[in-house]
């Protein structure tokens, strides 16, 4: 309990500092930065699984509250950005893995797994089955997510007029009884999806139940700020806890590769978003959040903060996970063979 309280306290301080300084998306970026720093300085950080899961459900509910009939009409334009996202993922994966091998000296499997633009749990599970530097893969991927979390809001603030202060409450907050019922139903559905090994099961369940309730006109309004802000603070804190137990020396080893991959991803994402925006007239903010290869839950939280189309964001990040699930194993073929025991075969 003390460890959790300390971690959440650091996250809250980070959010307050970022908000006071006017940093974009302060309730997410502030905790992520300060908790990461504290973890690297030796502070043991932790967010309980139960609190994390409730946070995921609430983010999903917040996304579902933004799905409207107009969103569904706009879905006719979505095949264009899906094609662009496929090409973007190929550029990041092959460009990043080539550079990590040629410039940074990583072996083939380590380079390709570290350069994979997202799907961290899947990447780490593959790392255990092949000959790869697992600590480097984990830290490069974690640093990439952290840097993207910090930089994507800043880039969006520079190229659009989106309000990233998260200070404006929804016109009509959801009634608490309706919100409580949606959360309970979402948790039940999420636990079922987890049994089927669906990625981001609780977040998707929250979005599905909330979308159904809002789309049918049964529940109006958005997430109340007094619930949304702590949820984002916990999400940012959770990102920072990835560095608990990681040594500074390992971070220094992985830093250059992480920065390179992040810059590559940001430039490629921005170029792809600008091209699709020109071709389809879809909002640039929506495209940036949908294309940025950060964690699904993190990008979902940012989509709520920036008022991006939640269904558009969710579809593209789910597609990214499916695309990588198919792509990566094809180019990581060298699995470790078990040695035969003497006297057998």
C-alpha atoms as a PDB file:
ATOM      1  CA  UNK A   1       0.000   0.000   0.000  1.00  0.00           C
ATOM      2  CA  UNK A   2       2.875   2.386   0.864  1.00  0.00           C
ATOM      3  CA  UNK A   3       4.543   1.651  -2.492  1.00  0.00           C
ATOM      4  CA  UNK A   4       1.311   2.326  -4.384  1.00  0.00           C
ATOM      5  CA  UNK A   5       0.623   5.513  -2.436  1.00  0.00           C
ATOM      6  CA  UNK A   6       4.135   6.793  -3.137  1.00  0.00           C
ATOM      7  CA  UNK A   7       3.826   6.001  -6.842  1.00  0.00           C
ATOM      8  CA  UNK A   8       0.442   7.704  -7.210  1.00  0.00           C
ATOM      9  CA  UNK A   9       1.689  10.675  -5.187  1.00  0.00           C
ATOM     10  CA  UNK A  10       4.641  11.126  -7.550  1.00  0.00           C
ATOM     11  CA  UNK A  11       2.258  10.870 -10.489  1.00  0.00           C
ATOM     12  CA  UNK A  12      -0.045  13.510  -9.011  1.00  0.00           C
ATOM     13  CA  UNK A  13       2.892  15.868  -8.431  1.00  0.00           C
ATOM     14  CA  UNK A  14       4.021  15.333 -12.027  1.00  0.00           C
ATOM     15  CA  UNK A  15       0.518  16.164 -13.286  1.00  0.00           C
ATOM     16  CA  UNK A  16       0.359  19.327 -11.173  1.00  0.00           C
ATOM     17  CA  UNK A  17       3.773  20.525 -12.379  1.00  0.00           C
ATOM     18  CA  UNK A  18       2.932  19.838 -16.040  1.00  0.00           C
ATOM     19  CA  UNK A  19      -0.440  21.592 -15.691  1.00  0.00           C
ATOM     20  CA  UNK A  20       1.163  24.634 -14.027  1.00  0.00           C
ATOM     21  CA  UNK A  21       3.769  24.862 -16.809  1.00  0.00           C
ATOM     22  CA  UNK A  22       1.131  24.598 -19.543  1.00  0.00           C
ATOM     23  CA  UNK A  23       2.611  21.400 -20.998  1.00  0.00           C
ATOM     24  CA  UNK A  24       0.325  19.682 -23.552  1.00  0.00           C
ATOM     25  CA  UNK A  25      -1.818  16.835 -22.145  1.00  0.00           C
ATOM     26  CA  UNK A  26      -0.446  17.522 -18.642  1.00  0.00           C
ATOM     27  CA  UNK A  27      -2.398  14.849 -16.776  1.00  0.00           C
ATOM     28  CA  UNK A  28      -0.812  12.145 -18.917  1.00  0.00           C
ATOM     29  CA  UNK A  29       2.635  13.475 -19.811  1.00  0.00           C
ATOM     30  CA  UNK A  30       3.487  14.894 -16.364  1.00  0.00           C
ATOM     31  CA  UNK A  31       3.013  11.644 -14.414  1.00  0.00           C
ATOM     32  CA  UNK A  32       4.702   9.585 -17.155  1.00  0.00           C
ATOM     33  CA  UNK A  33       7.820  11.755 -17.040  1.00  0.00           C
ATOM     34  CA  UNK A  34       8.154  12.165 -13.261  1.00  0.00           C
ATOM     35  CA  UNK A  35       7.380   8.534 -12.356  1.00  0.00           C
ATOM     36  CA  UNK A  36       9.849   7.324 -15.012  1.00  0.00           C
ATOM     37  CA  UNK A  37      12.513   9.607 -13.526  1.00  0.00           C
ATOM     38  CA  UNK A  38      11.749   8.423  -9.992  1.00  0.00           C
ATOM     39  CA  UNK A  39      11.943   4.768 -11.065  1.00  0.00           C
ATOM     40  CA  UNK A  40      15.315   5.321 -12.735  1.00  0.00           C
ATOM     41  CA  UNK A  41      16.553   6.991  -9.535  1.00  0.00           C
ATOM     42  CA  UNK A  42      15.789   3.792  -7.630  1.00  0.00           C
ATOM     43  CA  UNK A  43      12.288   4.436  -6.300  1.00  0.00           C
ATOM     44  CA  UNK A  44      10.222   1.249  -6.411  1.00  0.00           C
ATOM     45  CA  UNK A  45       7.042   2.121  -8.269  1.00  0.00           C
ATOM     46  CA  UNK A  46       3.882   0.103  -8.723  1.00  0.00           C
ATOM     47  CA  UNK A  47       0.243   0.429  -9.779  1.00  0.00           C
ATOM     48  CA  UNK A  48      -1.958  -2.482  -8.633  1.00  0.00           C
ATOM     49  CA  UNK A  49      -3.429  -4.628 -11.394  1.00  0.00           C
ATOM     50  CA  UNK A  50      -6.977  -3.971 -10.186  1.00  0.00           C
ATOM     51  CA  UNK A  51      -6.510  -0.193 -10.335  1.00  0.00           C
ATOM     52  CA  UNK A  52      -4.883  -0.482 -13.744  1.00  0.00           C
ATOM     53  CA  UNK A  53      -7.804  -2.532 -15.057  1.00  0.00           C
ATOM     54  CA  UNK A  54     -10.401  -0.045 -13.789  1.00  0.00           C
ATOM     55  CA  UNK A  55      -8.378   2.715 -15.462  1.00  0.00           C
ATOM     56  CA  UNK A  56      -8.477   0.838 -18.779  1.00  0.00           C
ATOM     57  CA  UNK A  57     -12.242   0.343 -18.504  1.00  0.00           C
ATOM     58  CA  UNK A  58     -12.834   4.042 -17.791  1.00  0.00           C
ATOM     59  CA  UNK A  59     -10.705   5.098 -20.762  1.00  0.00           C
ATOM     60  CA  UNK A  60     -12.747   2.781 -22.953  1.00  0.00           C
ATOM     61  CA  UNK A  61     -15.999   4.203 -21.583  1.00  0.00           C
ATOM     62  CA  UNK A  62     -14.748   7.721 -22.312  1.00  0.00           C
ATOM     63  CA  UNK A  63     -13.957   6.736 -25.887  1.00  0.00           C
ATOM     64  CA  UNK A  64     -17.371   5.176 -26.400  1.00  0.00           C
ATOM     65  CA  UNK A  65     -19.058   8.357 -25.210  1.00  0.00           C
ATOM     66  CA  UNK A  66     -17.666  10.142 -28.267  1.00  0.00           C
ATOM     67  CA  UNK A  67     -19.101   7.758 -30.863  1.00  0.00           C
ATOM     68  CA  UNK A  68     -21.969   9.456 -32.715  1.00  0.00           C
ATOM     69  CA  UNK A  69     -23.985   8.713 -35.872  1.00  0.00           C
ATOM     70  CA  UNK A  70     -21.830  11.303 -37.678  1.00  0.00           C
ATOM     71  CA  UNK A  71     -18.766   9.204 -36.837  1.00  0.00           C
ATOM     72  CA  UNK A  72     -20.312   6.167 -38.502  1.00  0.00           C
ATOM     73  CA  UNK A  73     -21.122   8.175 -41.630  1.00  0.00           C
ATOM     74  CA  UNK A  74     -17.498   9.321 -41.845  1.00  0.00           C
ATOM     75  CA  UNK A  75     -16.368   5.679 -41.713  1.00  0.00           C
ATOM     76  CA  UNK A  76     -16.750   5.492 -45.493  1.00  0.00           C
ATOM     77  CA  UNK A  77     -13.419   7.336 -45.789  1.00  0.00           C
ATOM     78  CA  UNK A  78     -11.496   4.998 -43.488  1.00  0.00           C
ATOM     79  CA  UNK A  79     -10.083   2.517 -46.069  1.00  0.00           C
ATOM     80  CA  UNK A  80      -7.666   5.224 -47.280  1.00  0.00           C
ATOM     81  CA  UNK A  81      -5.997   5.765 -43.874  1.00  0.00           C
ATOM     82  CA  UNK A  82      -5.898   1.992 -43.253  1.00  0.00           C
ATOM     83  CA  UNK A  83      -3.842   1.528 -46.417  1.00  0.00           C
ATOM     84  CA  UNK A  84      -1.615   4.434 -45.376  1.00  0.00           C
ATOM     85  CA  UNK A  85      -1.178   2.917 -41.911  1.00  0.00           C
ATOM     86  CA  UNK A  86      -0.076  -0.395 -43.443  1.00  0.00           C
ATOM     87  CA  UNK A  87       2.616   1.349 -45.471  1.00  0.00           C
ATOM     88  CA  UNK A  88       3.633   3.423 -42.442  1.00  0.00           C
ATOM     89  CA  UNK A  89       4.127   0.317 -40.310  1.00  0.00           C
ATOM     90  CA  UNK A  90       6.290  -1.284 -43.006  1.00  0.00           C
ATOM     91  CA  UNK A  91       8.477   1.833 -43.212  1.00  0.00           C
ATOM     92  CA  UNK A  92       8.973   1.978 -39.445  1.00  0.00           C
ATOM     93  CA  UNK A  93       9.574  -1.772 -39.054  1.00  0.00           C
ATOM     94  CA  UNK A  94      12.008  -2.287 -41.931  1.00  0.00           C
ATOM     95  CA  UNK A  95      13.663   1.143 -41.734  1.00  0.00           C
ATOM     96  CA  UNK A  96      14.097   0.883 -37.978  1.00  0.00           C
ATOM     97  CA  UNK A  97      15.377  -2.702 -37.957  1.00  0.00           C
ATOM     98  CA  UNK A  98      17.859  -1.922 -40.767  1.00  0.00           C
ATOM     99  CA  UNK A  99      19.254   1.047 -38.838  1.00  0.00           C
ATOM    100  CA  UNK A 100      19.438  -0.836 -35.529  1.00  0.00           C
ATOM    101  CA  UNK A 101      21.433  -3.557 -37.243  1.00  0.00           C
ATOM    102  CA  UNK A 102      23.735  -1.439 -39.438  1.00  0.00           C
ATOM    103  CA  UNK A 103      24.179   1.675 -37.305  1.00  0.00           C
ATOM    104  CA  UNK A 104      23.718   0.461 -33.731  1.00  0.00           C
ATOM    105  CA  UNK A 105      25.139  -3.048 -34.161  1.00  0.00           C
ATOM    106  CA  UNK A 106      22.157  -5.058 -32.884  1.00  0.00           C
ATOM    107  CA  UNK A 107      21.781  -8.643 -34.040  1.00  0.00           C
ATOM    108  CA  UNK A 108      18.977  -9.343 -36.532  1.00  0.00           C
ATOM    109  CA  UNK A 109      16.281 -10.592 -34.149  1.00  0.00           C
ATOM    110  CA  UNK A 110      16.989  -7.962 -31.496  1.00  0.00           C
ATOM    111  CA  UNK A 111      16.874  -5.212 -34.133  1.00  0.00           C
ATOM    112  CA  UNK A 112      13.576  -6.373 -35.628  1.00  0.00           C
ATOM    113  CA  UNK A 113      11.860  -6.929 -32.276  1.00  0.00           C
ATOM    114  CA  UNK A 114      13.085  -3.580 -30.904  1.00  0.00           C
ATOM    115  CA  UNK A 115      11.957  -1.796 -34.100  1.00  0.00           C
ATOM    116  CA  UNK A 116       8.449  -3.296 -34.065  1.00  0.00           C
ATOM    117  CA  UNK A 117       6.107  -0.274 -33.758  1.00  0.00           C
ATOM    118  CA  UNK A 118       4.040  -1.409 -30.791  1.00  0.00           C
ATOM    119  CA  UNK A 119       2.392  -4.605 -29.493  1.00  0.00           C
ATOM    120  CA  UNK A 120       4.873  -4.772 -26.570  1.00  0.00           C
ATOM    121  CA  UNK A 121       3.475  -7.875 -24.837  1.00  0.00           C
ATOM    122  CA  UNK A 122       3.533  -9.818 -28.119  1.00  0.00           C
ATOM    123  CA  UNK A 123       7.060  -8.625 -28.903  1.00  0.00           C
ATOM    124  CA  UNK A 124       8.357  -9.656 -25.472  1.00  0.00           C
ATOM    125  CA  UNK A 125       6.728 -13.078 -25.764  1.00  0.00           C
ATOM    126  CA  UNK A 126       8.508 -13.562 -29.107  1.00  0.00           C
ATOM    127  CA  UNK A 127      11.763 -12.388 -27.526  1.00  0.00           C
ATOM    128  CA  UNK A 128      11.671 -15.302 -25.102  1.00  0.00           C
ATOM    129  CA  UNK A 129      11.363 -17.815 -27.980  1.00  0.00           C
ATOM    130  CA  UNK A 130      14.219 -16.595 -30.181  1.00  0.00           C
ATOM    131  CA  UNK A 131      17.818 -15.598 -29.729  1.00  0.00           C
ATOM    132  CA  UNK A 132      17.466 -11.900 -28.854  1.00  0.00           C
ATOM    133  CA  UNK A 133      18.658  -9.448 -26.202  1.00  0.00           C
ATOM    134  CA  UNK A 134      15.452  -9.361 -24.143  1.00  0.00           C
ATOM    135  CA  UNK A 135      16.439  -6.524 -21.726  1.00  0.00           C
ATOM    136  CA  UNK A 136      17.414  -4.276 -24.632  1.00  0.00           C
ATOM    137  CA  UNK A 137      14.175  -5.028 -26.503  1.00  0.00           C
ATOM    138  CA  UNK A 138      12.095  -4.283 -23.396  1.00  0.00           C
ATOM    139  CA  UNK A 139      13.869  -1.006 -22.580  1.00  0.00           C
ATOM    140  CA  UNK A 140      13.971   0.254 -26.193  1.00  0.00           C
ATOM    141  CA  UNK A 141      10.247  -0.417 -26.533  1.00  0.00           C
ATOM    142  CA  UNK A 142       9.421   1.171 -23.157  1.00  0.00           C
ATOM    143  CA  UNK A 143      11.491   4.271 -23.925  1.00  0.00           C
ATOM    144  CA  UNK A 144       9.825   4.544 -27.319  1.00  0.00           C
ATOM    145  CA  UNK A 145       6.359   4.524 -25.728  1.00  0.00           C
ATOM    146  CA  UNK A 146       7.415   7.087 -23.120  1.00  0.00           C
ATOM    147  CA  UNK A 147       8.969   9.468 -25.670  1.00  0.00           C
ATOM    148  CA  UNK A 148       5.946   9.164 -27.978  1.00  0.00           C
ATOM    149  CA  UNK A 149       3.637   9.900 -25.044  1.00  0.00           C
ATOM    150  CA  UNK A 150       5.577  13.073 -24.324  1.00  0.00           C
ATOM    151  CA  UNK A 151       6.101  14.241 -27.914  1.00  0.00           C
ATOM    152  CA  UNK A 152       2.857  13.397 -29.739  1.00  0.00           C
ATOM    153  CA  UNK A 153       0.807  15.992 -27.794  1.00  0.00           C
ATOM    154  CA  UNK A 154       3.511  18.585 -28.440  1.00  0.00           C
ATOM    155  CA  UNK A 155       3.528  17.854 -32.177  1.00  0.00           C
ATOM    156  CA  UNK A 156      -0.274  17.978 -32.323  1.00  0.00           C
ATOM    157  CA  UNK A 157      -0.200  21.311 -30.479  1.00  0.00           C
ATOM    158  CA  UNK A 158       2.248  22.707 -33.036  1.00  0.00           C
ATOM    159  CA  UNK A 159       0.375  21.647 -36.176  1.00  0.00           C
ATOM    160  CA  UNK A 160      -3.261  22.013 -35.073  1.00  0.00           C
ATOM    161  CA  UNK A 161      -5.390  24.262 -32.879  1.00  0.00           C
ATOM    162  CA  UNK A 162      -6.540  21.394 -30.617  1.00  0.00           C
ATOM    163  CA  UNK A 163      -7.072  22.243 -26.935  1.00  0.00           C
ATOM    164  CA  UNK A 164      -4.644  20.028 -25.013  1.00  0.00           C
ATOM    165  CA  UNK A 165      -5.185  21.571 -21.587  1.00  0.00           C
ATOM    166  CA  UNK A 166      -7.903  19.038 -20.611  1.00  0.00           C
ATOM    167  CA  UNK A 167      -9.588  21.822 -18.652  1.00  0.00           C
ATOM    168  CA  UNK A 168     -12.967  21.876 -20.386  1.00  0.00           C
ATOM    169  CA  UNK A 169     -15.694  19.664 -18.954  1.00  0.00           C
ATOM    170  CA  UNK A 170     -18.140  17.870 -21.285  1.00  0.00           C
ATOM    171  CA  UNK A 171     -21.315  19.830 -21.955  1.00  0.00           C
ATOM    172  CA  UNK A 172     -23.372  17.115 -20.246  1.00  0.00           C
ATOM    173  CA  UNK A 173     -21.557  14.767 -17.860  1.00  0.00           C
ATOM    174  CA  UNK A 174     -22.916  11.233 -17.676  1.00  0.00           C
ATOM    175  CA  UNK A 175     -25.274  10.523 -14.787  1.00  0.00           C
ATOM    176  CA  UNK A 176     -23.453   8.529 -12.101  1.00  0.00           C
ATOM    177  CA  UNK A 177     -25.958   5.602 -11.958  1.00  0.00           C
ATOM    178  CA  UNK A 178     -25.690   5.150 -15.739  1.00  0.00           C
ATOM    179  CA  UNK A 179     -21.898   5.428 -15.623  1.00  0.00           C
ATOM    180  CA  UNK A 180     -21.700   2.859 -12.810  1.00  0.00           C
ATOM    181  CA  UNK A 181     -23.880   0.411 -14.752  1.00  0.00           C
ATOM    182  CA  UNK A 182     -21.775   0.829 -17.903  1.00  0.00           C
ATOM    183  CA  UNK A 183     -18.580   0.201 -15.924  1.00  0.00           C
ATOM    184  CA  UNK A 184     -19.959  -2.951 -14.306  1.00  0.00           C
ATOM    185  CA  UNK A 185     -21.143  -4.350 -17.648  1.00  0.00           C
ATOM    186  CA  UNK A 186     -17.822  -3.413 -19.267  1.00  0.00           C
ATOM    187  CA  UNK A 187     -15.822  -5.210 -16.573  1.00  0.00           C
ATOM    188  CA  UNK A 188     -17.903  -8.353 -17.112  1.00  0.00           C
ATOM    189  CA  UNK A 189     -17.429  -8.213 -20.884  1.00  0.00           C
ATOM    190  CA  UNK A 190     -13.742  -7.372 -20.485  1.00  0.00           C
ATOM    191  CA  UNK A 191     -13.072 -10.408 -18.300  1.00  0.00           C
ATOM    192  CA  UNK A 192     -14.736 -12.564 -20.948  1.00  0.00           C
ATOM    193  CA  UNK A 193     -12.598 -11.022 -23.723  1.00  0.00           C
ATOM    194  CA  UNK A 194      -9.463 -11.583 -21.617  1.00  0.00           C
ATOM    195  CA  UNK A 195     -10.276 -15.296 -21.474  1.00  0.00           C
ATOM    196  CA  UNK A 196     -10.242 -15.243 -25.284  1.00  0.00           C
ATOM    197  CA  UNK A 197      -6.824 -13.493 -25.221  1.00  0.00           C
ATOM    198  CA  UNK A 198      -8.138 -10.352 -26.931  1.00  0.00           C
ATOM    199  CA  UNK A 199      -5.553  -7.504 -26.728  1.00  0.00           C
ATOM    200  CA  UNK A 200      -6.606  -4.503 -24.581  1.00  0.00           C
ATOM    201  CA  UNK A 201      -9.708  -6.475 -23.594  1.00  0.00           C
ATOM    202  CA  UNK A 202     -10.920  -4.187 -20.809  1.00  0.00           C
ATOM    203  CA  UNK A 203     -10.454  -0.991 -22.804  1.00  0.00           C
ATOM    204  CA  UNK A 204     -12.296  -2.443 -25.801  1.00  0.00           C
ATOM    205  CA  UNK A 205     -15.075  -3.746 -23.561  1.00  0.00           C
ATOM    206  CA  UNK A 206     -15.525  -0.308 -21.999  1.00  0.00           C
ATOM    207  CA  UNK A 207     -15.695   1.273 -25.429  1.00  0.00           C
ATOM    208  CA  UNK A 208     -18.131  -1.370 -26.754  1.00  0.00           C
ATOM    209  CA  UNK A 209     -20.633  -1.032 -23.888  1.00  0.00           C
ATOM    210  CA  UNK A 210     -20.384   2.768 -23.839  1.00  0.00           C
ATOM    211  CA  UNK A 211     -20.753   2.975 -27.622  1.00  0.00           C
ATOM    212  CA  UNK A 212     -23.878   0.809 -27.503  1.00  0.00           C
ATOM    213  CA  UNK A 213     -25.408   2.900 -24.718  1.00  0.00           C
ATOM    214  CA  UNK A 214     -24.618   6.244 -26.358  1.00  0.00           C
ATOM    215  CA  UNK A 215     -25.386   5.111 -29.886  1.00  0.00           C
ATOM    216  CA  UNK A 216     -28.833   3.912 -28.817  1.00  0.00           C
ATOM    217  CA  UNK A 217     -29.509   7.230 -27.073  1.00  0.00           C
ATOM    218  CA  UNK A 218     -29.891   5.541 -23.682  1.00  0.00           C
ATOM    219  CA  UNK A 219     -27.050   7.447 -21.992  1.00  0.00           C
ATOM    220  CA  UNK A 220     -26.138  11.028 -22.955  1.00  0.00           C
ATOM    221  CA  UNK A 221     -23.039  12.932 -21.929  1.00  0.00           C
ATOM    222  CA  UNK A 222     -19.331  12.377 -21.479  1.00  0.00           C
ATOM    223  CA  UNK A 223     -16.981  11.397 -18.682  1.00  0.00           C
ATOM    224  CA  UNK A 224     -17.072  13.844 -15.731  1.00  0.00           C
ATOM    225  CA  UNK A 225     -13.770  15.683 -15.301  1.00  0.00           C
ATOM    226  CA  UNK A 226     -13.439  14.607 -11.657  1.00  0.00           C
ATOM    227  CA  UNK A 227     -13.244  11.019 -12.916  1.00  0.00           C
ATOM    228  CA  UNK A 228     -11.415  11.624 -16.212  1.00  0.00           C
ATOM    229  CA  UNK A 229      -8.481  13.566 -14.760  1.00  0.00           C
ATOM    230  CA  UNK A 230      -7.512  10.968 -12.098  1.00  0.00           C
ATOM    231  CA  UNK A 231      -7.883   8.265 -14.751  1.00  0.00           C
ATOM    232  CA  UNK A 232      -5.385  10.020 -17.018  1.00  0.00           C
ATOM    233  CA  UNK A 233      -3.020  10.606 -14.095  1.00  0.00           C
ATOM    234  CA  UNK A 234      -3.084   6.880 -13.300  1.00  0.00           C
ATOM    235  CA  UNK A 235      -2.505   6.055 -16.969  1.00  0.00           C
ATOM    236  CA  UNK A 236       0.524   8.336 -17.102  1.00  0.00           C
ATOM    237  CA  UNK A 237       1.792   6.896 -13.821  1.00  0.00           C
ATOM    238  CA  UNK A 238       1.426   3.387 -15.220  1.00  0.00           C
ATOM    239  CA  UNK A 239       3.643   4.290 -18.193  1.00  0.00           C
ATOM    240  CA  UNK A 240       6.336   5.459 -15.781  1.00  0.00           C
ATOM    241  CA  UNK A 241       6.266   2.231 -13.738  1.00  0.00           C
ATOM    242  CA  UNK A 242       7.682   0.339 -16.729  1.00  0.00           C
ATOM    243  CA  UNK A 243      11.095   1.611 -15.624  1.00  0.00           C
ATOM    244  CA  UNK A 244      10.863   0.211 -12.102  1.00  0.00           C
ATOM    245  CA  UNK A 245      13.934  -1.974 -11.555  1.00  0.00           C
ATOM    246  CA  UNK A 246      15.599  -0.837 -14.798  1.00  0.00           C
ATOM    247  CA  UNK A 247      19.179   0.348 -14.329  1.00  0.00           C
ATOM    248  CA  UNK A 248      20.350   3.693 -15.657  1.00  0.00           C
ATOM    249  CA  UNK A 249      23.199   1.931 -17.472  1.00  0.00           C
ATOM    250  CA  UNK A 250      20.712  -0.172 -19.464  1.00  0.00           C
ATOM    251  CA  UNK A 251      18.691   2.932 -20.326  1.00  0.00           C
ATOM    252  CA  UNK A 252      21.837   4.676 -21.570  1.00  0.00           C
ATOM    253  CA  UNK A 253      22.628   1.637 -23.760  1.00  0.00           C
ATOM    254  CA  UNK A 254      19.154   1.728 -25.279  1.00  0.00           C
ATOM    255  CA  UNK A 255      18.650   5.506 -25.411  1.00  0.00           C
ATOM    256  CA  UNK A 256      20.189   6.267 -28.812  1.00  0.00           C
ATOM    257  CA  UNK A 257      18.254   3.487 -30.556  1.00  0.00           C
ATOM    258  CA  UNK A 258      15.020   4.541 -28.840  1.00  0.00           C
ATOM    259  CA  UNK A 259      15.435   8.174 -29.851  1.00  0.00           C
ATOM    260  CA  UNK A 260      16.174   7.163 -33.446  1.00  0.00           C
ATOM    261  CA  UNK A 261      13.091   4.901 -33.623  1.00  0.00           C
ATOM    262  CA  UNK A 262      10.883   7.583 -32.087  1.00  0.00           C
ATOM    263  CA  UNK A 263      12.078  10.292 -34.481  1.00  0.00           C
ATOM    264  CA  UNK A 264      11.591   7.911 -37.420  1.00  0.00           C
ATOM    265  CA  UNK A 265       8.077   7.059 -36.218  1.00  0.00           C
ATOM    266  CA  UNK A 266       7.113  10.700 -35.639  1.00  0.00           C
ATOM    267  CA  UNK A 267       8.385  11.910 -39.018  1.00  0.00           C
ATOM    268  CA  UNK A 268       6.758   9.011 -40.871  1.00  0.00           C
ATOM    269  CA  UNK A 269       3.503   9.470 -38.931  1.00  0.00           C
ATOM    270  CA  UNK A 270       3.402  13.197 -39.657  1.00  0.00           C
ATOM    271  CA  UNK A 271       4.088  12.700 -43.369  1.00  0.00           C
ATOM    272  CA  UNK A 272       1.448   9.955 -43.646  1.00  0.00           C
ATOM    273  CA  UNK A 273      -1.096  12.038 -41.715  1.00  0.00           C
ATOM    274  CA  UNK A 274      -0.522  15.102 -43.906  1.00  0.00           C
ATOM    275  CA  UNK A 275      -0.866  13.058 -47.120  1.00  0.00           C
ATOM    276  CA  UNK A 276      -4.093  11.346 -45.984  1.00  0.00           C
ATOM    277  CA  UNK A 277      -5.456  14.656 -44.688  1.00  0.00           C
ATOM    278  CA  UNK A 278      -4.884  16.163 -48.140  1.00  0.00           C
ATOM    279  CA  UNK A 279      -6.479  13.177 -49.924  1.00  0.00           C
ATOM    280  CA  UNK A 280      -9.476  12.646 -47.654  1.00  0.00           C
ATOM    281  CA  UNK A 281      -9.914  15.871 -45.660  1.00  0.00           C
ATOM    282  CA  UNK A 282     -10.030  13.809 -42.444  1.00  0.00           C
ATOM    283  CA  UNK A 283      -8.992  15.860 -39.366  1.00  0.00           C
ATOM    284  CA  UNK A 284      -5.229  16.013 -38.908  1.00  0.00           C
ATOM    285  CA  UNK A 285      -5.524  15.464 -35.138  1.00  0.00           C
ATOM    286  CA  UNK A 286      -7.485  12.252 -35.681  1.00  0.00           C
ATOM    287  CA  UNK A 287      -4.886  10.982 -38.155  1.00  0.00           C
ATOM    288  CA  UNK A 288      -1.920  11.771 -35.901  1.00  0.00           C
ATOM    289  CA  UNK A 289      -3.427   9.953 -32.919  1.00  0.00           C
ATOM    290  CA  UNK A 290      -4.585   7.012 -35.069  1.00  0.00           C
ATOM    291  CA  UNK A 291      -1.206   6.580 -36.798  1.00  0.00           C
ATOM    292  CA  UNK A 292       1.188   7.226 -33.877  1.00  0.00           C
ATOM    293  CA  UNK A 293       2.575   3.795 -32.839  1.00  0.00           C
ATOM    294  CA  UNK A 294       2.271   4.229 -29.083  1.00  0.00           C
ATOM    295  CA  UNK A 295       0.509   1.939 -26.636  1.00  0.00           C
ATOM    296  CA  UNK A 296      -3.152   1.386 -27.474  1.00  0.00           C
ATOM    297  CA  UNK A 297      -4.318   2.508 -24.021  1.00  0.00           C
ATOM    298  CA  UNK A 298      -2.058   5.573 -24.151  1.00  0.00           C
ATOM    299  CA  UNK A 299      -3.244   6.652 -27.581  1.00  0.00           C
ATOM    300  CA  UNK A 300      -6.836   6.010 -26.487  1.00  0.00           C
ATOM    301  CA  UNK A 301      -6.348   8.370 -23.554  1.00  0.00           C
ATOM    302  CA  UNK A 302      -4.842  10.994 -25.853  1.00  0.00           C
ATOM    303  CA  UNK A 303      -7.770  10.661 -28.259  1.00  0.00           C
ATOM    304  CA  UNK A 304     -10.157  11.592 -25.446  1.00  0.00           C
ATOM    305  CA  UNK A 305      -7.980  14.519 -24.353  1.00  0.00           C
ATOM    306  CA  UNK A 306      -7.730  15.911 -27.880  1.00  0.00           C
ATOM    307  CA  UNK A 307     -11.331  15.285 -28.839  1.00  0.00           C
ATOM    308  CA  UNK A 308     -10.270  12.933 -31.648  1.00  0.00           C
ATOM    309  CA  UNK A 309     -12.719  10.496 -33.215  1.00  0.00           C
ATOM    310  CA  UNK A 310     -12.651   7.552 -30.742  1.00  0.00           C
ATOM    311  CA  UNK A 311     -13.942   4.900 -33.140  1.00  0.00           C
ATOM    312  CA  UNK A 312     -11.427   5.990 -35.786  1.00  0.00           C
ATOM    313  CA  UNK A 313      -8.580   5.863 -33.263  1.00  0.00           C
ATOM    314  CA  UNK A 314      -9.569   2.477 -31.851  1.00  0.00           C
ATOM    315  CA  UNK A 315     -10.004   0.846 -35.263  1.00  0.00           C
ATOM    316  CA  UNK A 316      -6.574   1.910 -36.473  1.00  0.00           C
ATOM    317  CA  UNK A 317      -4.737   0.839 -33.334  1.00  0.00           C
ATOM    318  CA  UNK A 318      -6.495  -2.531 -33.278  1.00  0.00           C
ATOM    319  CA  UNK A 319      -5.625  -2.933 -36.961  1.00  0.00           C
ATOM    320  CA  UNK A 320      -2.000  -2.093 -36.111  1.00  0.00           C
ATOM    321  CA  UNK A 321      -1.880  -4.901 -33.524  1.00  0.00           C
ATOM    322  CA  UNK A 322      -3.384  -7.420 -35.958  1.00  0.00           C
ATOM    323  CA  UNK A 323      -1.050  -6.299 -38.759  1.00  0.00           C
ATOM    324  CA  UNK A 324       2.026  -6.682 -36.529  1.00  0.00           C
ATOM    325  CA  UNK A 325       0.829 -10.046 -35.214  1.00  0.00           C
ATOM    326  CA  UNK A 326       0.945 -11.322 -38.803  1.00  0.00           C
ATOM    327  CA  UNK A 327       4.008  -9.386 -40.005  1.00  0.00           C
ATOM    328  CA  UNK A 328       6.589  -9.798 -37.250  1.00  0.00           C
ATOM    329  CA  UNK A 329       6.736 -13.626 -36.921  1.00  0.00           C
ATOM    330  CA  UNK A 330       7.338 -13.915 -40.683  1.00  0.00           C
ATOM    331  CA  UNK A 331      10.604 -12.001 -40.288  1.00  0.00           C
ATOM    332  CA  UNK A 332      11.641 -13.553 -36.949  1.00  0.00           C
ATOM    333  CA  UNK A 333      11.950 -17.164 -38.118  1.00  0.00           C
ATOM    334  CA  UNK A 334      14.956 -18.353 -36.148  1.00  0.00           C
ATOM    335  CA  UNK A 335      13.443 -20.013 -33.104  1.00  0.00           C
ATOM    336  CA  UNK A 336      15.681 -21.605 -30.494  1.00  0.00           C
ATOM    337  CA  UNK A 337      15.756 -25.377 -30.922  1.00  0.00           C
ATOM    338  CA  UNK A 338      15.625 -27.568 -27.859  1.00  0.00           C
ATOM    339  CA  UNK A 339      18.675 -29.718 -27.407  1.00  0.00           C
ATOM    340  CA  UNK A 340      18.130 -33.449 -27.456  1.00  0.00           C
ATOM    341  CA  UNK A 341      18.911 -35.242 -24.268  1.00  0.00           C
ATOM    342  CA  UNK A 342      21.686 -37.864 -24.440  1.00  0.00           C
ATOM    343  CA  UNK A 343      20.402 -41.345 -25.227  1.00  0.00           C
ATOM    344  CA  UNK A 344      17.319 -40.182 -27.107  1.00  0.00           C
ATOM    345  CA  UNK A 345      16.461 -40.289 -30.793  1.00  0.00           C
END
